[in-house]
Each structure stands twice: as structure tokens, then as C-alpha cells.
């Protein structure tokens, strides 16, 4: 059974009042399906104890962290890739998603969110306090309401526990006027290994978060590079703080933005960081035994 801790806020429907989790923790434990029931048990993935799958969803972002007792989804790709994303997840024999993190409400990150929420049991959602007037966002929120799961603000420093896996929110540390800068940044820890998911976070927000939380909070083994490898993200300061062995870039083949940009690839090359790209490698699988990380596919 997953156990979620933290002081985020809970949304219960579109017109709900925000309620601190700490004030309703006992009630949640007693009443919400997120905390009860049996999860689908699976054999360890990819020859290891856990794995991160960075799905090939074209010019978008979607990844899933899987271990033998659960699954966490980070973003849901584009509208065009939504059926394929559901097929990817179904092929993994996943029925229950412990947590879905929607980093920010851009179509290339939440396009398949409604399909995922309809196809699977989603026990909780984490996302920043952002909204847009798009049909994609409205469809996602309608499905969140229908799912009836708790929704938690992406508040830096909040820690959520899912059995052997810990998820920590690292950004945004303040409000910005750009949804990319307001992206939720999360660290997933399994054993001694750490996987950092940067959403579309850009340099200004990177530096603010490092200044607020300290460099050590960002140290990781694997990093999902921010904003599809754009030069506006992945500052030298971030790479100095993260010191990853492996970097993954999610982007579409021959995309109109030229992602990933040569500036970002140059920084990664200078530091001898292994780089895998969904436009070249397809779905990227990084496995871990809790001590080591390696590319599986």
C-alpha cells in the first residue's frame, strides 16, 4: 500500500476550497481510495529492480517510473500521441498508477492526460497551480474530477512516499509569468539512485531553485533534460549541481524547434554524460538495482 506524506493542498472538484493536507491527513487515510486496496504486483522490470521509461511521444514529454509494487507517471505527451501512450502503458501490464505528475498545462505535456485518467486507476495527481483556457486542459481537469483522486500542489520541499520510492518536489520556488518556468520539477529516489525530471523548467527557475534548496538537492544519477533540450534550459549551474551519469532528451524527429539545441548537447558532451534521445533511440529505458543505473533500450 502506498503511503503519501507531505503538506500539499488537496483539490476536490473544480470549485473546491483548498485544504492543507496536514489538517485532513487522518480523514484521507480513512476515506480516500489512494491509501487502500491492492496494487497490481509485477516482476522487476528490465532485468533490474526498477526502471524509468521515457516514452517516444514525438515532440512532447511522457515518462513512467516503474518498480515491482507501483508506477508513477510524469506527463502525458501530446494529443496526437495519446492513444499510443495508453498502448505503451497497457503493454507494461499496468492497471494502477500511484501518482500522475503533470508538470505544467502545455499540450505537449498533458495531451494524453484525459486518456490516461480514463484508461487507468490514478490514485493521486501532483501539478502546479496553473490553468489555461485550452480544450486540452479542460478535458484533463474534467477527467481528474471524474477520477475523484486527490490533487496536490507542486510545492518545493514536499516529500511523497510510495513504499520503496520517494518523490520530492524541487520547483517552482516562486511564481513566474511563464508556464515553462512554473514547471514542476520532481526527484524520484529508489534505493541509492535518483532520477530528476525537469519538465520544461528553464534557466531562471533552475537557478532560483538551486539558490533556495541548495545544490545537493539536485544531485542525481539520471536527468530528464528540461524543455526538450532547448538552449533556454540546462544551465551550467544545474549540471554542476546534478552531476548525472545519464541524460535523456524527449523530442520529436526533425521537429520545427530544432530541439535538442547544439548548445545543450555541447554542455552534456563536455561533461561526458551519456545522452539518449527519443527522436533517435525511440522509447528510452533506464534500469536500476538501487545502486547502479544503466541504459536498457
C-alpha atoms as a PDB file:
ATOM      1  CA  UNK A   1       0.000   0.000   0.000  1.00  0.00           C
ATOM      2  CA  UNK A   2       1.353   3.400  -0.928  1.00  0.00           C
ATOM      3  CA  UNK A   3       1.785   5.976   1.783  1.00  0.00           C
ATOM      4  CA  UNK A   4       1.802   9.623   0.805  1.00  0.00           C
ATOM      5  CA  UNK A   5       3.163  12.251   3.150  1.00  0.00           C
ATOM      6  CA  UNK A   6       3.534  15.981   2.701  1.00  0.00           C
ATOM      7  CA  UNK A   7       1.847  19.346   3.202  1.00  0.00           C
ATOM      8  CA  UNK A   8       0.474  19.985  -0.262  1.00  0.00           C
ATOM      9  CA  UNK A   9      -3.073  21.135  -0.882  1.00  0.00           C
ATOM     10  CA  UNK A  10      -5.966  18.945  -1.896  1.00  0.00           C
ATOM     11  CA  UNK A  11      -8.465  19.837  -4.611  1.00  0.00           C
ATOM     12  CA  UNK A  12     -11.789  18.026  -4.520  1.00  0.00           C
ATOM     13  CA  UNK A  13     -13.565  19.124  -7.685  1.00  0.00           C
ATOM     14  CA  UNK A  14     -13.276  22.301  -9.722  1.00  0.00           C
ATOM     15  CA  UNK A  15     -14.902  24.571  -7.146  1.00  0.00           C
ATOM     16  CA  UNK A  16     -13.352  23.069  -4.051  1.00  0.00           C
ATOM     17  CA  UNK A  17     -11.754  25.022  -1.239  1.00  0.00           C
ATOM     18  CA  UNK A  18      -8.027  24.391  -0.814  1.00  0.00           C
ATOM     19  CA  UNK A  19      -7.400  22.368   2.348  1.00  0.00           C
ATOM     20  CA  UNK A  20      -3.942  21.742   3.889  1.00  0.00           C
ATOM     21  CA  UNK A  21      -3.156  18.036   3.791  1.00  0.00           C
ATOM     22  CA  UNK A  22      -1.779  18.152   7.293  1.00  0.00           C
ATOM     23  CA  UNK A  23      -5.224  19.131   8.597  1.00  0.00           C
ATOM     24  CA  UNK A  24      -7.029  16.258   6.926  1.00  0.00           C
ATOM     25  CA  UNK A  25      -4.406  13.529   6.918  1.00  0.00           C
ATOM     26  CA  UNK A  26      -6.324  11.198   9.203  1.00  0.00           C
ATOM     27  CA  UNK A  27      -9.520  11.669   7.238  1.00  0.00           C
ATOM     28  CA  UNK A  28      -7.707  10.983   3.979  1.00  0.00           C
ATOM     29  CA  UNK A  29      -6.158   7.824   5.314  1.00  0.00           C
ATOM     30  CA  UNK A  30      -9.555   6.593   6.346  1.00  0.00           C
ATOM     31  CA  UNK A  31     -11.572   7.614   3.339  1.00  0.00           C
ATOM     32  CA  UNK A  32      -9.570   8.028   0.127  1.00  0.00           C
ATOM     33  CA  UNK A  33      -9.031   5.057  -2.193  1.00  0.00           C
ATOM     34  CA  UNK A  34      -5.489   6.319  -2.808  1.00  0.00           C
ATOM     35  CA  UNK A  35      -4.442   4.844   0.512  1.00  0.00           C
ATOM     36  CA  UNK A  36      -6.147   1.485   0.281  1.00  0.00           C
ATOM     37  CA  UNK A  37      -6.677  -1.541  -1.870  1.00  0.00           C
ATOM     38  CA  UNK A  38      -4.361  -3.981  -3.528  1.00  0.00           C
ATOM     39  CA  UNK A  39      -1.982  -2.902  -6.231  1.00  0.00           C
ATOM     40  CA  UNK A  40      -1.128  -4.977  -9.252  1.00  0.00           C
ATOM     41  CA  UNK A  41       2.102  -6.800  -8.437  1.00  0.00           C
ATOM     42  CA  UNK A  42       4.637  -7.179 -11.220  1.00  0.00           C
ATOM     43  CA  UNK A  43       8.003  -8.775 -11.669  1.00  0.00           C
ATOM     44  CA  UNK A  44      11.009  -6.419 -11.628  1.00  0.00           C
ATOM     45  CA  UNK A  45      11.377  -4.561 -14.929  1.00  0.00           C
ATOM     46  CA  UNK A  46      14.232  -4.551 -17.403  1.00  0.00           C
ATOM     47  CA  UNK A  47      16.342  -7.095 -15.534  1.00  0.00           C
ATOM     48  CA  UNK A  48      16.660  -4.756 -12.539  1.00  0.00           C
ATOM     49  CA  UNK A  49      14.610  -3.733  -9.548  1.00  0.00           C
ATOM     50  CA  UNK A  50      13.073  -0.659 -11.155  1.00  0.00           C
ATOM     51  CA  UNK A  51      13.174   1.354 -14.336  1.00  0.00           C
ATOM     52  CA  UNK A  52      12.297   4.695 -15.876  1.00  0.00           C
ATOM     53  CA  UNK A  53      10.685   4.595 -19.305  1.00  0.00           C
ATOM     54  CA  UNK A  54      10.854   7.766 -21.357  1.00  0.00           C
ATOM     55  CA  UNK A  55       8.152   7.180 -23.948  1.00  0.00           C
ATOM     56  CA  UNK A  56       8.553   8.200 -27.568  1.00  0.00           C
ATOM     57  CA  UNK A  57       5.623  10.613 -27.861  1.00  0.00           C
ATOM     58  CA  UNK A  58       7.027  12.822 -30.597  1.00  0.00           C
ATOM     59  CA  UNK A  59       7.574  16.487 -29.750  1.00  0.00           C
ATOM     60  CA  UNK A  60       6.332  16.082 -26.197  1.00  0.00           C
ATOM     61  CA  UNK A  61       7.112  14.558 -22.839  1.00  0.00           C
ATOM     62  CA  UNK A  62       5.952  11.470 -21.002  1.00  0.00           C
ATOM     63  CA  UNK A  63       7.829   9.134 -18.696  1.00  0.00           C
ATOM     64  CA  UNK A  64       6.941   6.431 -16.210  1.00  0.00           C
ATOM     65  CA  UNK A  65       8.897   5.181 -13.216  1.00  0.00           C
ATOM     66  CA  UNK A  66       8.105   1.522 -12.532  1.00  0.00           C
ATOM     67  CA  UNK A  67       9.039  -0.792  -9.724  1.00  0.00           C
ATOM     68  CA  UNK A  68       7.682  -4.124  -8.552  1.00  0.00           C
ATOM     69  CA  UNK A  69       4.989  -2.509  -6.394  1.00  0.00           C
ATOM     70  CA  UNK A  70       3.894   0.543  -8.320  1.00  0.00           C
ATOM     71  CA  UNK A  71       4.090   3.133 -11.067  1.00  0.00           C
ATOM     72  CA  UNK A  72       4.442   6.915 -11.274  1.00  0.00           C
ATOM     73  CA  UNK A  73       3.669   8.826 -14.482  1.00  0.00           C
ATOM     74  CA  UNK A  74       5.369  12.112 -15.293  1.00  0.00           C
ATOM     75  CA  UNK A  75       3.487  13.974 -18.036  1.00  0.00           C
ATOM     76  CA  UNK A  76       1.304  12.500 -20.749  1.00  0.00           C
ATOM     77  CA  UNK A  77       2.595  13.511 -24.164  1.00  0.00           C
ATOM     78  CA  UNK A  78       0.637  15.193 -26.932  1.00  0.00           C
ATOM     79  CA  UNK A  79      -2.914  14.919 -28.203  1.00  0.00           C
ATOM     80  CA  UNK A  80      -1.556  13.132 -31.267  1.00  0.00           C
ATOM     81  CA  UNK A  81       0.258  10.505 -29.182  1.00  0.00           C
ATOM     82  CA  UNK A  82      -2.463   9.850 -26.585  1.00  0.00           C
ATOM     83  CA  UNK A  83      -3.690   6.507 -27.942  1.00  0.00           C
ATOM     84  CA  UNK A  84      -0.135   5.277 -28.413  1.00  0.00           C
ATOM     85  CA  UNK A  85       0.745   6.318 -24.861  1.00  0.00           C
ATOM     86  CA  UNK A  86      -2.131   4.296 -23.411  1.00  0.00           C
ATOM     87  CA  UNK A  87      -0.997   1.323 -25.507  1.00  0.00           C
ATOM     88  CA  UNK A  88       2.559   1.713 -24.168  1.00  0.00           C
ATOM     89  CA  UNK A  89       1.308   1.629 -20.579  1.00  0.00           C
ATOM     90  CA  UNK A  90      -1.110  -1.244 -21.155  1.00  0.00           C
ATOM     91  CA  UNK A  91       1.738  -3.284 -22.670  1.00  0.00           C
ATOM     92  CA  UNK A  92       3.544  -2.948 -19.323  1.00  0.00           C
ATOM     93  CA  UNK A  93       0.615  -4.649 -17.547  1.00  0.00           C
ATOM     94  CA  UNK A  94      -0.009  -1.501 -15.504  1.00  0.00           C
ATOM     95  CA  UNK A  95      -3.550  -1.172 -14.162  1.00  0.00           C
ATOM     96  CA  UNK A  96      -2.945   1.301 -11.345  1.00  0.00           C
ATOM     97  CA  UNK A  97      -0.877   4.483 -11.423  1.00  0.00           C
ATOM     98  CA  UNK A  98       0.079   5.557  -7.906  1.00  0.00           C
ATOM     99  CA  UNK A  99       0.696   9.165  -8.924  1.00  0.00           C
ATOM    100  CA  UNK A 100       0.488  11.223 -12.113  1.00  0.00           C
ATOM    101  CA  UNK A 101       2.665  14.335 -12.180  1.00  0.00           C
ATOM    102  CA  UNK A 102       1.576  16.895 -14.759  1.00  0.00           C
ATOM    103  CA  UNK A 103       4.470  19.352 -14.809  1.00  0.00           C
ATOM    104  CA  UNK A 104       2.597  22.221 -16.488  1.00  0.00           C
ATOM    105  CA  UNK A 105      -0.512  22.647 -18.657  1.00  0.00           C
ATOM    106  CA  UNK A 106       1.032  22.772 -22.130  1.00  0.00           C
ATOM    107  CA  UNK A 107      -0.471  20.438 -24.719  1.00  0.00           C
ATOM    108  CA  UNK A 108       2.778  18.573 -25.342  1.00  0.00           C
ATOM    109  CA  UNK A 109       2.843  17.520 -21.669  1.00  0.00           C
ATOM    110  CA  UNK A 110      -0.849  16.914 -20.877  1.00  0.00           C
ATOM    111  CA  UNK A 111      -2.246  15.968 -24.287  1.00  0.00           C
ATOM    112  CA  UNK A 112      -2.857  12.348 -23.264  1.00  0.00           C
ATOM    113  CA  UNK A 113      -3.834  13.052 -19.650  1.00  0.00           C
ATOM    114  CA  UNK A 114      -7.564  12.568 -20.234  1.00  0.00           C
ATOM    115  CA  UNK A 115      -6.975   9.232 -21.988  1.00  0.00           C
ATOM    116  CA  UNK A 116      -4.712   8.033 -19.161  1.00  0.00           C
ATOM    117  CA  UNK A 117      -7.200   9.044 -16.476  1.00  0.00           C
ATOM    118  CA  UNK A 118      -9.984   7.217 -18.308  1.00  0.00           C
ATOM    119  CA  UNK A 119      -7.942   4.060 -19.033  1.00  0.00           C
ATOM    120  CA  UNK A 120      -6.268   3.512 -15.645  1.00  0.00           C
ATOM    121  CA  UNK A 121      -6.916   3.929 -11.952  1.00  0.00           C
ATOM    122  CA  UNK A 122      -4.937   7.023 -10.950  1.00  0.00           C
ATOM    123  CA  UNK A 123      -4.585   7.314  -7.180  1.00  0.00           C
ATOM    124  CA  UNK A 124      -3.255  10.878  -6.969  1.00  0.00           C
ATOM    125  CA  UNK A 125      -2.159  13.856  -9.059  1.00  0.00           C
ATOM    126  CA  UNK A 126       0.587  16.414  -8.444  1.00  0.00           C
ATOM    127  CA  UNK A 127       0.764  19.600 -10.508  1.00  0.00           C
ATOM    128  CA  UNK A 128       1.499  23.312 -10.116  1.00  0.00           C
ATOM    129  CA  UNK A 129      -1.266  25.829  -9.520  1.00  0.00           C
ATOM    130  CA  UNK A 130      -1.579  26.756 -13.179  1.00  0.00           C
ATOM    131  CA  UNK A 131      -4.512  26.759 -15.543  1.00  0.00           C
ATOM    132  CA  UNK A 132      -5.195  27.614 -19.168  1.00  0.00           C
ATOM    133  CA  UNK A 133      -8.328  28.108 -21.239  1.00  0.00           C
ATOM    134  CA  UNK A 134      -7.471  25.312 -23.666  1.00  0.00           C
ATOM    135  CA  UNK A 135      -9.725  22.385 -24.520  1.00  0.00           C
ATOM    136  CA  UNK A 136      -6.862  20.030 -23.605  1.00  0.00           C
ATOM    137  CA  UNK A 137      -6.610  21.423 -20.076  1.00  0.00           C
ATOM    138  CA  UNK A 138     -10.392  21.452 -19.590  1.00  0.00           C
ATOM    139  CA  UNK A 139     -10.612  17.822 -20.709  1.00  0.00           C
ATOM    140  CA  UNK A 140      -7.854  16.801 -18.297  1.00  0.00           C
ATOM    141  CA  UNK A 141      -9.493  18.557 -15.335  1.00  0.00           C
ATOM    142  CA  UNK A 142     -12.885  17.041 -16.157  1.00  0.00           C
ATOM    143  CA  UNK A 143     -11.307  13.592 -16.049  1.00  0.00           C
ATOM    144  CA  UNK A 144      -9.492  14.409 -12.793  1.00  0.00           C
ATOM    145  CA  UNK A 145     -12.850  15.328 -11.257  1.00  0.00           C
ATOM    146  CA  UNK A 146     -14.416  12.114 -12.535  1.00  0.00           C
ATOM    147  CA  UNK A 147     -11.490  10.072 -11.165  1.00  0.00           C
ATOM    148  CA  UNK A 148     -12.088  11.637  -7.746  1.00  0.00           C
ATOM    149  CA  UNK A 149      -8.441  11.371  -6.719  1.00  0.00           C
ATOM    150  CA  UNK A 150      -6.684  13.963  -4.555  1.00  0.00           C
ATOM    151  CA  UNK A 151      -4.715  16.667  -6.371  1.00  0.00           C
ATOM    152  CA  UNK A 152      -1.678  18.149  -4.625  1.00  0.00           C
ATOM    153  CA  UNK A 153       0.099  21.413  -5.355  1.00  0.00           C
ATOM    154  CA  UNK A 154       3.656  21.048  -6.631  1.00  0.00           C
ATOM    155  CA  UNK A 155       5.216  22.705  -3.592  1.00  0.00           C
ATOM    156  CA  UNK A 156       9.032  22.642  -3.275  1.00  0.00           C
ATOM    157  CA  UNK A 157      10.249  20.551  -0.374  1.00  0.00           C
ATOM    158  CA  UNK A 158       7.165  18.343  -0.284  1.00  0.00           C
ATOM    159  CA  UNK A 159       8.049  14.650   0.012  1.00  0.00           C
ATOM    160  CA  UNK A 160       5.702  11.839  -1.039  1.00  0.00           C
ATOM    161  CA  UNK A 161       6.390   8.229  -0.176  1.00  0.00           C
ATOM    162  CA  UNK A 162       5.209   5.257  -2.226  1.00  0.00           C
ATOM    163  CA  UNK A 163       6.607   2.219  -0.484  1.00  0.00           C
ATOM    164  CA  UNK A 164      10.232   1.890  -1.603  1.00  0.00           C
ATOM    165  CA  UNK A 165      10.021   5.007  -3.780  1.00  0.00           C
ATOM    166  CA  UNK A 166      10.226   8.637  -2.670  1.00  0.00           C
ATOM    167  CA  UNK A 167       9.168  11.619  -4.780  1.00  0.00           C
ATOM    168  CA  UNK A 168      10.328  15.126  -3.833  1.00  0.00           C
ATOM    169  CA  UNK A 169       9.138  18.359  -5.443  1.00  0.00           C
ATOM    170  CA  UNK A 170      12.010  20.791  -6.137  1.00  0.00           C
ATOM    171  CA  UNK A 171      10.485  23.575  -8.227  1.00  0.00           C
ATOM    172  CA  UNK A 172       8.928  26.105  -8.816  1.00  0.00           C
ATOM    173  CA  UNK A 173      10.120  28.035  -5.758  1.00  0.00           C
ATOM    174  CA  UNK A 174       8.211  31.193  -6.733  1.00  0.00           C
ATOM    175  CA  UNK A 175       5.608  32.353  -9.229  1.00  0.00           C
ATOM    176  CA  UNK A 176       6.588  33.242 -12.788  1.00  0.00           C
ATOM    177  CA  UNK A 177       4.790  34.670 -15.775  1.00  0.00           C
ATOM    178  CA  UNK A 178       5.748  31.725 -17.969  1.00  0.00           C
ATOM    179  CA  UNK A 179       4.307  28.221 -17.641  1.00  0.00           C
ATOM    180  CA  UNK A 180       7.658  26.692 -18.594  1.00  0.00           C
ATOM    181  CA  UNK A 181       9.340  28.412 -15.660  1.00  0.00           C
ATOM    182  CA  UNK A 182       6.455  27.282 -13.444  1.00  0.00           C
ATOM    183  CA  UNK A 183       7.050  23.624 -14.391  1.00  0.00           C
ATOM    184  CA  UNK A 184       7.001  21.143 -11.559  1.00  0.00           C
ATOM    185  CA  UNK A 185      10.444  19.587 -11.137  1.00  0.00           C
ATOM    186  CA  UNK A 186      10.493  16.295  -9.243  1.00  0.00           C
ATOM    187  CA  UNK A 187      13.137  13.897  -7.974  1.00  0.00           C
ATOM    188  CA  UNK A 188      12.329  10.192  -7.714  1.00  0.00           C
ATOM    189  CA  UNK A 189      14.570   8.104  -5.450  1.00  0.00           C
ATOM    190  CA  UNK A 190      14.875   4.336  -5.418  1.00  0.00           C
ATOM    191  CA  UNK A 191      17.498   2.898  -3.107  1.00  0.00           C
ATOM    192  CA  UNK A 192      20.615   4.981  -3.588  1.00  0.00           C
ATOM    193  CA  UNK A 193      19.681   6.106  -7.110  1.00  0.00           C
ATOM    194  CA  UNK A 194      17.976   9.340  -8.100  1.00  0.00           C
ATOM    195  CA  UNK A 195      16.045  10.311 -11.229  1.00  0.00           C
ATOM    196  CA  UNK A 196      15.407  14.023 -11.883  1.00  0.00           C
ATOM    197  CA  UNK A 197      12.530  15.114 -14.128  1.00  0.00           C
ATOM    198  CA  UNK A 198      12.848  18.746 -15.237  1.00  0.00           C
ATOM    199  CA  UNK A 199       9.606  19.285 -17.179  1.00  0.00           C
ATOM    200  CA  UNK A 200      10.105  22.416 -19.295  1.00  0.00           C
ATOM    201  CA  UNK A 201      11.942  24.248 -16.496  1.00  0.00           C
ATOM    202  CA  UNK A 202      14.243  26.963 -17.844  1.00  0.00           C
ATOM    203  CA  UNK A 203      17.437  28.563 -16.555  1.00  0.00           C
ATOM    204  CA  UNK A 204      15.899  31.310 -14.407  1.00  0.00           C
ATOM    205  CA  UNK A 205      13.802  28.822 -12.446  1.00  0.00           C
ATOM    206  CA  UNK A 206      16.714  26.363 -12.271  1.00  0.00           C
ATOM    207  CA  UNK A 207      18.938  28.962 -10.609  1.00  0.00           C
ATOM    208  CA  UNK A 208      16.193  30.130  -8.244  1.00  0.00           C
ATOM    209  CA  UNK A 209      15.558  26.560  -7.096  1.00  0.00           C
ATOM    210  CA  UNK A 210      19.260  25.799  -6.592  1.00  0.00           C
ATOM    211  CA  UNK A 211      19.663  29.034  -4.631  1.00  0.00           C
ATOM    212  CA  UNK A 212      16.679  28.210  -2.430  1.00  0.00           C
ATOM    213  CA  UNK A 213      17.179  24.472  -1.876  1.00  0.00           C
ATOM    214  CA  UNK A 214      20.926  24.093  -2.339  1.00  0.00           C
ATOM    215  CA  UNK A 215      22.919  22.213  -4.969  1.00  0.00           C
ATOM    216  CA  UNK A 216      22.815  18.909  -3.117  1.00  0.00           C
ATOM    217  CA  UNK A 217      19.021  18.713  -3.542  1.00  0.00           C
ATOM    218  CA  UNK A 218      19.535  18.287  -7.304  1.00  0.00           C
ATOM    219  CA  UNK A 219      22.287  15.663  -7.289  1.00  0.00           C
ATOM    220  CA  UNK A 220      21.094  12.730  -9.409  1.00  0.00           C
ATOM    221  CA  UNK A 221      22.121   9.739 -11.480  1.00  0.00           C
ATOM    222  CA  UNK A 222      19.682  10.315 -14.352  1.00  0.00           C
ATOM    223  CA  UNK A 223      18.236  13.613 -15.587  1.00  0.00           C
ATOM    224  CA  UNK A 224      15.376  14.161 -17.992  1.00  0.00           C
ATOM    225  CA  UNK A 225      16.631  17.329 -19.656  1.00  0.00           C
ATOM    226  CA  UNK A 226      14.345  20.352 -19.462  1.00  0.00           C
ATOM    227  CA  UNK A 227      12.344  21.743 -22.390  1.00  0.00           C
ATOM    228  CA  UNK A 228      13.299  19.060 -24.905  1.00  0.00           C
ATOM    229  CA  UNK A 229      16.957  20.120 -24.904  1.00  0.00           C
ATOM    230  CA  UNK A 230      16.350  23.809 -25.610  1.00  0.00           C
ATOM    231  CA  UNK A 231      19.258  26.193 -25.026  1.00  0.00           C
ATOM    232  CA  UNK A 232      16.987  28.071 -22.596  1.00  0.00           C
ATOM    233  CA  UNK A 233      17.330  25.204 -20.105  1.00  0.00           C
ATOM    234  CA  UNK A 234      20.112  23.061 -18.624  1.00  0.00           C
ATOM    235  CA  UNK A 235      22.380  25.768 -17.271  1.00  0.00           C
ATOM    236  CA  UNK A 236      25.977  25.045 -16.364  1.00  0.00           C
ATOM    237  CA  UNK A 237      24.998  25.603 -12.724  1.00  0.00           C
ATOM    238  CA  UNK A 238      22.311  22.927 -12.963  1.00  0.00           C
ATOM    239  CA  UNK A 239      24.696  20.396 -14.463  1.00  0.00           C
ATOM    240  CA  UNK A 240      27.275  21.183 -11.780  1.00  0.00           C
ATOM    241  CA  UNK A 241      24.620  20.512  -9.145  1.00  0.00           C
ATOM    242  CA  UNK A 242      23.150  17.370 -10.718  1.00  0.00           C
ATOM    243  CA  UNK A 243      26.330  15.548 -11.878  1.00  0.00           C
ATOM    244  CA  UNK A 244      24.291  12.893 -13.745  1.00  0.00           C
ATOM    245  CA  UNK A 245      25.650   9.780 -15.406  1.00  0.00           C
ATOM    246  CA  UNK A 246      22.826   9.683 -17.943  1.00  0.00           C
ATOM    247  CA  UNK A 247      20.734  12.379 -19.618  1.00  0.00           C
ATOM    248  CA  UNK A 248      17.525  11.728 -21.546  1.00  0.00           C
ATOM    249  CA  UNK A 249      16.028  14.174 -24.032  1.00  0.00           C
ATOM    250  CA  UNK A 250      12.423  13.816 -25.167  1.00  0.00           C
ATOM    251  CA  UNK A 251      11.782  15.408 -28.553  1.00  0.00           C
ATOM    252  CA  UNK A 252      10.272  14.697 -31.951  1.00  0.00           C
ATOM    253  CA  UNK A 253      12.237  13.696 -35.009  1.00  0.00           C
ATOM    254  CA  UNK A 254      13.011  16.706 -37.235  1.00  0.00           C
ATOM    255  CA  UNK A 255      10.890  18.948 -35.010  1.00  0.00           C
ATOM    256  CA  UNK A 256      10.316  22.566 -36.043  1.00  0.00           C
ATOM    257  CA  UNK A 257      12.113  23.959 -32.960  1.00  0.00           C
ATOM    258  CA  UNK A 258      15.439  22.325 -33.710  1.00  0.00           C
ATOM    259  CA  UNK A 259      15.416  20.504 -30.359  1.00  0.00           C
ATOM    260  CA  UNK A 260      17.737  19.495 -28.896  1.00  0.00           C
ATOM    261  CA  UNK A 261      19.855  22.605 -29.435  1.00  0.00           C
ATOM    262  CA  UNK A 262      23.582  22.262 -30.050  1.00  0.00           C
ATOM    263  CA  UNK A 263      24.355  24.430 -27.004  1.00  0.00           C
ATOM    264  CA  UNK A 264      22.748  21.875 -24.688  1.00  0.00           C
ATOM    265  CA  UNK A 265      24.329  18.892 -26.427  1.00  0.00           C
ATOM    266  CA  UNK A 266      27.697  20.626 -26.203  1.00  0.00           C
ATOM    267  CA  UNK A 267      27.412  21.062 -22.429  1.00  0.00           C
ATOM    268  CA  UNK A 268      26.497  17.401 -21.963  1.00  0.00           C
ATOM    269  CA  UNK A 269      29.327  16.261 -24.233  1.00  0.00           C
ATOM    270  CA  UNK A 270      31.897  18.337 -22.348  1.00  0.00           C
ATOM    271  CA  UNK A 271      30.929  16.561 -19.124  1.00  0.00           C
ATOM    272  CA  UNK A 272      30.984  13.086 -20.738  1.00  0.00           C
ATOM    273  CA  UNK A 273      27.357  12.477 -19.818  1.00  0.00           C
ATOM    274  CA  UNK A 274      25.668   9.626 -21.697  1.00  0.00           C
ATOM    275  CA  UNK A 275      22.836  11.070 -23.791  1.00  0.00           C
ATOM    276  CA  UNK A 276      19.791   9.209 -25.099  1.00  0.00           C
ATOM    277  CA  UNK A 277      17.087  10.826 -27.239  1.00  0.00           C
ATOM    278  CA  UNK A 278      13.593   9.668 -28.064  1.00  0.00           C
ATOM    279  CA  UNK A 279      13.903  11.089 -31.598  1.00  0.00           C
ATOM    280  CA  UNK A 280      16.880   8.817 -32.251  1.00  0.00           C
ATOM    281  CA  UNK A 281      16.514   5.931 -29.760  1.00  0.00           C
ATOM    282  CA  UNK A 282      12.730   5.666 -29.553  1.00  0.00           C
ATOM    283  CA  UNK A 283      11.399   4.893 -26.074  1.00  0.00           C
ATOM    284  CA  UNK A 284      14.378   5.053 -23.701  1.00  0.00           C
ATOM    285  CA  UNK A 285      14.569   2.625 -20.770  1.00  0.00           C
ATOM    286  CA  UNK A 286      16.936   3.286 -17.860  1.00  0.00           C
ATOM    287  CA  UNK A 287      17.117   0.485 -15.299  1.00  0.00           C
ATOM    288  CA  UNK A 288      18.366   0.481 -11.718  1.00  0.00           C
ATOM    289  CA  UNK A 289      19.079  -2.033  -8.989  1.00  0.00           C
ATOM    290  CA  UNK A 290      19.022   0.709  -6.365  1.00  0.00           C
ATOM    291  CA  UNK A 291      22.766   1.261  -6.615  1.00  0.00           C
ATOM    292  CA  UNK A 292      23.599   1.463 -10.311  1.00  0.00           C
ATOM    293  CA  UNK A 293      21.822   2.816 -13.400  1.00  0.00           C
ATOM    294  CA  UNK A 294      22.152   1.641 -16.980  1.00  0.00           C
ATOM    295  CA  UNK A 295      20.590   2.011 -20.405  1.00  0.00           C
ATOM    296  CA  UNK A 296      18.399  -0.990 -21.239  1.00  0.00           C
ATOM    297  CA  UNK A 297      16.807   0.079 -24.519  1.00  0.00           C
END
